[in-house]
């Protein structure tokens, strides 16, 4: 879940690939549900993953923790909601079958 000022819920499932590309499926809940697929690229430096998605329309940044989870960043800092909680993308490993 990511923060959303103009919706009830914003959920993102994301795959980061070794070639520097990213695929994100974004589900946004307003009065109805909107699902879109975003494609783009990412770079990783100094424990921060920076992404450009869907033709440079969206920019996201995440801070990587010790176990590989990604905390959403806003204005260069880890975002915390009104309760002080971070928006964290939990890392799931996928075994690639050859």
Protein backbone atom coordinates (compact mmCIF):
# COMPACT_ATOMS: atom_id res chain seq x y z
CA UNK A 1 0.00 0.00 0.00
CA UNK A 2 1.22 3.44 -0.89
CA UNK A 3 -0.02 6.83 0.30
CA UNK A 4 -2.80 8.42 -1.73
CA UNK A 5 -4.20 11.90 -1.13
CA UNK A 6 -7.05 11.62 -3.62
CA UNK A 7 -8.19 8.01 -3.15
CA UNK A 8 -9.30 5.50 -0.53
CA UNK A 9 -6.55 2.97 -1.28
CA UNK A 10 -3.50 2.69 -3.52
CA UNK A 11 -1.98 -0.78 -3.83
CA UNK A 12 1.04 -1.58 -5.98
CA UNK A 13 2.55 -4.93 -6.99
CA UNK A 14 5.98 -4.45 -8.50
CA UNK A 15 8.61 -6.59 -10.21
CA UNK A 16 12.18 -5.32 -10.52
CA UNK A 17 14.18 -7.16 -13.16
CA UNK A 18 17.95 -7.62 -13.42
CA UNK A 19 18.09 -5.61 -16.65
CA UNK A 20 16.96 -2.43 -14.84
CA UNK A 21 13.33 -2.56 -15.94
CA UNK A 22 10.32 -2.45 -13.67
CA UNK A 23 6.72 -3.62 -14.09
CA UNK A 24 4.18 -2.20 -11.64
CA UNK A 25 0.47 -3.00 -11.41
CA UNK A 26 -1.29 -0.15 -9.62
CA UNK A 27 -4.78 -0.57 -8.12
CA UNK A 28 -6.46 2.68 -7.13
CA UNK A 29 -9.76 2.68 -5.23
CA UNK A 30 -12.02 5.73 -5.48
CA UNK A 31 -15.76 5.16 -5.78
CA UNK A 32 -14.77 2.37 -8.17
CA UNK A 33 -11.56 0.43 -8.79
CA UNK A 34 -8.98 1.43 -11.42
CA UNK A 35 -6.12 -0.90 -12.38
CA UNK A 36 -3.27 0.12 -14.64
CA UNK A 37 0.05 -1.39 -15.61
CA UNK A 38 3.14 0.80 -15.54
CA UNK A 39 6.42 0.00 -17.29
CA UNK A 40 9.70 1.76 -16.75
CA UNK A 41 13.26 1.65 -15.53
CA UNK A 42 15.00 1.88 -12.18
CA UNK A 43 18.44 2.62 -10.80
CA UNK A 44 19.80 1.51 -7.44
CA UNK A 45 22.41 3.56 -5.59
CA UNK A 46 23.16 4.25 -1.91
CA UNK A 47 20.30 1.97 -0.75
CA UNK A 48 17.75 3.96 -2.78
CA UNK A 49 15.76 2.62 -5.73
CA UNK A 50 14.64 5.40 -8.09
CA UNK A 51 12.06 4.64 -10.77
CA UNK A 52 10.75 6.34 -13.89
CA UNK A 53 7.49 4.79 -15.02
CA UNK A 54 5.23 4.97 -18.07
CA UNK A 55 7.02 7.43 -20.29
CA UNK A 56 8.43 9.52 -17.44
CA UNK A 57 4.91 10.33 -16.12
CA UNK A 58 5.51 8.82 -12.66
CA UNK A 59 8.63 9.01 -10.48
CA UNK A 60 8.94 6.90 -7.34
CA UNK A 61 11.77 6.40 -4.87
CA UNK A 62 12.18 3.73 -2.20
CA UNK A 63 14.78 3.23 0.55
CA UNK A 64 15.99 -0.37 0.86
CA UNK A 65 16.29 -1.82 4.37
CA UNK A 66 18.59 -4.60 5.62
CA UNK A 67 16.31 -7.44 4.51
CA UNK A 68 15.44 -6.01 1.10
CA UNK A 69 12.07 -4.37 1.80
CA UNK A 70 11.50 -0.98 0.17
CA UNK A 71 10.10 2.01 2.11
CA UNK A 72 8.38 4.68 0.03
CA UNK A 73 10.18 8.04 -0.03
CA UNK A 74 8.70 11.50 -0.50
CA UNK A 75 10.84 14.63 -0.86
CA UNK A 76 13.99 12.62 -0.15
CA UNK A 77 12.81 11.20 3.19
CA UNK A 78 11.05 7.98 4.15
CA UNK A 79 7.31 8.72 4.09
CA UNK A 80 5.38 8.22 7.34
CA UNK A 81 1.61 8.49 7.66
CA UNK A 82 -0.28 10.35 10.42
CA UNK A 83 0.32 7.37 12.76
CA UNK A 84 4.07 7.39 12.03
CA UNK A 85 3.95 4.18 9.98
CA UNK A 86 6.05 3.67 6.84
CA UNK A 87 4.62 2.53 3.51
CA UNK A 88 6.75 -0.54 2.87
CA UNK A 89 6.90 -2.77 -0.18
CA UNK A 90 7.68 -6.22 1.19
CA UNK A 91 10.15 -8.22 -0.88
CA UNK A 92 9.13 -11.64 -2.11
CA UNK A 93 11.70 -13.78 -3.88
CA UNK A 94 10.69 -15.66 -7.00
CA UNK A 95 12.65 -18.67 -8.09
CA UNK A 96 13.19 -18.49 -11.83
CA UNK A 97 12.84 -21.86 -13.50
CA UNK A 98 15.30 -22.54 -16.30
